[in-house]
Amino acid sequence: MDEPRFRPTPHWRERRRRRCMRFALTDSAGVEIAVIVRDISTRGLSAAAMGTPPALNEVVRARLADGRVLWGLVRWQDDNLFGVEFDTQE
């Protein structure tokens, strides 16, 4: 197909908001994990841990500035970087 006529299929993925801010997560035992959030969306976040990151598949909790609490699972980890998928079920 000619390149000018090619239109890729859109990926309906929510736009992520890039953030670089201090953020505190807690693990399922209530221990605080100091992190810097790299980006965040309603479905999850990616962050860099200031110390030891949470383990793969560990449950974590995030308290938002508006008082809401989100629970999620650590879905990937690479050195001190990791990603959390929030539980979006109500």
Protein backbone atom coordinates (compact mmCIF):
# COMPACT_ATOMS: atom_id res chain seq x y z
CA MET A 1 0.00 0.00 0.00
CA ASP A 2 1.19 3.51 -0.71
CA GLU A 3 2.53 5.31 2.35
CA PRO A 4 0.35 8.43 1.83
CA ARG A 5 -2.78 6.24 1.91
CA PHE A 6 -1.75 4.21 4.96
CA ARG A 7 -3.49 5.12 8.20
CA PRO A 8 -2.52 3.06 11.27
CA THR A 9 -5.19 1.64 13.52
CA PRO A 10 -5.51 3.86 16.59
CA HIS A 11 -4.77 2.40 19.99
CA TRP A 12 -7.42 3.57 22.42
CA ARG A 13 -5.09 3.88 25.36
CA GLU A 14 -5.64 6.50 28.01
CA ARG A 15 -3.20 9.37 27.89
CA ARG A 16 -0.65 9.20 30.68
CA ARG A 17 0.25 12.29 32.63
CA ARG A 18 3.98 12.64 33.04
CA ARG A 19 4.83 13.55 36.59
CA CYS A 20 8.02 13.69 38.55
CA MET A 21 6.98 14.04 42.15
CA ARG A 22 7.58 12.41 45.49
CA PHE A 23 4.91 9.92 46.33
CA ALA A 24 4.42 7.44 49.15
CA LEU A 25 3.00 4.00 48.57
CA THR A 26 2.41 1.45 51.28
CA ASP A 27 2.64 -2.29 50.93
CA SER A 28 -0.04 -4.71 52.15
CA ALA A 29 1.59 -4.76 55.63
CA GLY A 30 1.35 -0.95 55.86
CA VAL A 31 5.08 -0.30 55.39
CA GLU A 32 5.74 2.93 53.47
CA ILE A 33 7.68 2.69 50.19
CA ALA A 34 9.19 6.06 49.17
CA VAL A 35 9.05 6.53 45.40
CA ILE A 36 9.18 9.14 42.67
CA VAL A 37 6.28 8.75 40.22
CA ARG A 38 7.35 8.92 36.56
CA ASP A 39 3.86 8.80 35.04
CA ILE A 40 0.35 8.08 36.26
CA SER A 41 -3.08 7.33 34.79
CA THR A 42 -6.37 6.06 36.16
CA ARG A 43 -5.20 2.50 35.46
CA GLY A 44 -1.77 2.63 37.08
CA LEU A 45 1.59 4.27 37.53
CA SER A 46 5.26 3.76 36.88
CA ALA A 47 7.73 4.84 39.51
CA ALA A 48 11.31 4.70 40.76
CA ALA A 49 11.81 3.48 44.32
CA MET A 50 14.09 5.54 46.55
CA GLY A 51 15.21 2.28 48.19
CA THR A 52 14.13 -1.30 47.64
CA PRO A 53 11.18 -1.50 45.24
CA PRO A 54 8.13 -3.64 45.98
CA ALA A 55 8.26 -7.23 44.75
CA LEU A 56 6.58 -8.45 41.58
CA ASN A 57 2.85 -9.18 42.20
CA GLU A 58 2.95 -7.44 45.58
CA VAL A 59 -0.18 -5.55 46.65
CA VAL A 60 0.40 -1.83 47.20
CA ARG A 61 -1.82 1.06 48.27
CA ALA A 62 -1.68 4.68 47.11
CA ARG A 63 -3.38 7.55 48.93
CA LEU A 64 -4.25 10.38 46.55
CA ALA A 65 -4.23 14.07 47.44
CA ASP A 66 -8.05 14.12 47.41
CA GLY A 67 -8.17 11.37 50.08
CA ARG A 68 -9.06 8.46 47.80
CA VAL A 69 -7.16 5.21 48.31
CA LEU A 70 -6.23 3.01 45.34
CA TRP A 71 -5.06 -0.57 45.59
CA GLY A 72 -2.92 -2.18 42.93
CA LEU A 73 -0.50 -4.94 41.99
CA VAL A 74 3.13 -4.54 40.97
CA ARG A 75 3.10 -5.83 37.38
CA TRP A 76 6.75 -5.29 36.38
CA GLN A 77 10.05 -4.46 38.02
CA ASP A 78 13.46 -3.57 36.59
CA ASP A 79 16.14 -2.64 39.12
CA ASN A 80 14.51 0.16 41.15
CA LEU A 81 11.84 0.92 38.49
CA PHE A 82 8.43 -0.70 38.69
CA GLY A 83 4.86 -0.43 37.44
CA VAL A 84 1.59 -0.76 39.33
CA GLU A 85 -1.78 -1.66 37.85
CA PHE A 86 -4.62 -0.23 39.95
CA ASP A 87 -7.71 -2.24 40.86
CA THR A 88 -10.31 -0.26 38.94
CA GLN A 89 -13.33 -2.35 40.00
CA GLU A 90 -15.80 -0.48 42.15
